[in-house]
Amino acid sequence: MSIIKLHDLYFRPYIEKDKISAIVKYLARVVKADLPKNEVPIFVGILNGCFLFAADFIRAFDGDCEVSFVKLASYDGTKSSENVRELVGINEDLTNRTVIILEDVIDTGNTLQEIYAIFKDKNVKQLKIATLLFKPDVFRKELPIDYIGLSIKDKFVVGYGLDYNGLGRNYPEIYQLTTPPKMKNIVLFGPPGAGKGTQAEFLKDMYNLVHISTGDVFRFNIKNQTELGLLAKKYMDDGNLVPDEVTINMLKAEVEKNTDANGFIFDGFPRTQSQAEALDAFLGEKGEQINGMIALEVPEDLLVERLLERGKTSGRTDDTDEGKIRNRFNEYNTKTAVLKDYFEAQGKYYGINGVGSIKEITQRISEVFIKL
C-alpha cells in the first residue's frame, strides 16, 4: 500500500485488506451466533458505500438469508451533511422479519437516524445494525448499534466502497486522509556501468536529497557493529542471504536519521517486489511515498565494452571477465523487470536514455524529477 491521490486530496494506507477480511468474517460469525435457529434474516445494505462490505459479509455468512438495498446520500465532499436523502427505497414486505442493516461507516449518526425512521413502520420482528467502521468521537445520537467491526478516529477514509467525490471505492484497502507529501523520493536503478552512482551524487547536490545506498548502509552497520550490522554479518558468515526484514530495518534507521530531508534517493533497494511493498508501506505510514523509479537504460553490449575497459585500470576482477559481466546483467534485468512492472502499475516508472555525456544524462533525469 502506498499513498494515493484522489482529486485534490492525499490518502495514506490505513487498514490492509487482510484485516478488513478478518473483521468482516468476525461480524458474520457474531451475527449468525445471535440469530435463533432456522431464522432467515434479510440483510439490507446501505448504498453506495457498503456494496463491497455487503458482498463480502453475505459470502461469509453461514446460513440462508435474503438481501436488499436502500440507497441514501449524506456526504458532501469529506463532510457528513445534516441532510440525509433517501434515493432508492425498499420494496420487500418486512412484516415479522429480522432485518439486519449493513453499513460501511457510522459517524455522526444522521444516516442511522434516517434508517430507523425508514424502518419504523415496516412491522419488522427486530431491526439490528452492523457497521464495518464506527467513529465514536463524533457519534451524537442515542441510537443502538448492535455490531461494530472497528472503531476509528474521526478522519475521512476512502477505499473498500468508500469514496471521495466518486473516486476511491474500488480500492481493496482503506485509506485515511493525510497532508500532502513533503518529500520527493526516488528509486534509482541502472545496470552495472551505467553511471548510476555518479548521477546519484549530482541529484543529491542539485536537490538536497539524501542518498541511501544499500551497500554503504550494510558496510556502515557491519563496520560499526550495530545490532542490525551484527545480525546481518551472522547471516552472511553462515553463507545465507540477509532477510528482507534486516535490510529494511537498516534503511528505516537511515530515513529516521534524516526526517528533515527534502527527499531520498534509494540506490540498490528495493530489489524485489516484497521489498518495494515494504518500502511503500513504511513511507505511507509517514505520509510520504515513492514518487518514481528512474531507471537508466543503456544497451548491454555498450556497457560490456565500458566495464571491460574500466577493468583494465580499476583493479576489479569482476570487470575483466565478460561472462561474469553478462551474468550481472542477467541478474539486474530479472530483478528490474519485476520492479518495472510494480512501479509501472502505479504510473511511477521512468526509463531514461543512459547514453551520452554525464551532463546530458543528468539533464534528462532532472526533467523527469521536477515533474514528480
Foldseek 3Di string as FASTA:
>chain_A
DFWDDDDHFIWFFDFDLVLLLVLLLVQLVVVLVPDDPPAAAEEEEEDDQCPLSVVSNVVSHDDHYHYYYWYKDADDFQDGHLDIGTDGADDDQQAQHEYEYEEAEDFQCSVVVVVCVRCVPSNHVYYAYAYAEYAVVRHDDPDDHDHYSYYDHPFGKAECRRDGVPPRPPHSGMITTDHAAQAAEEEEAEAPQLCRVVLLVVCCVVQVAAEDELVVLQVVCLVVVDVLNVVCVVCVVVVHHRDLVSSVVSVVVVCVVCVPTNYYYYYPPDQAVVRQVVVSNSQSVVNHGHQAYEYADDDPVVSLVSLCVCCVPVVDPCSNDSVSSVVSVVSRVVRVVRVQVVCVVVVHYHYFHSDDDPVVRSVRVVVVSVVD
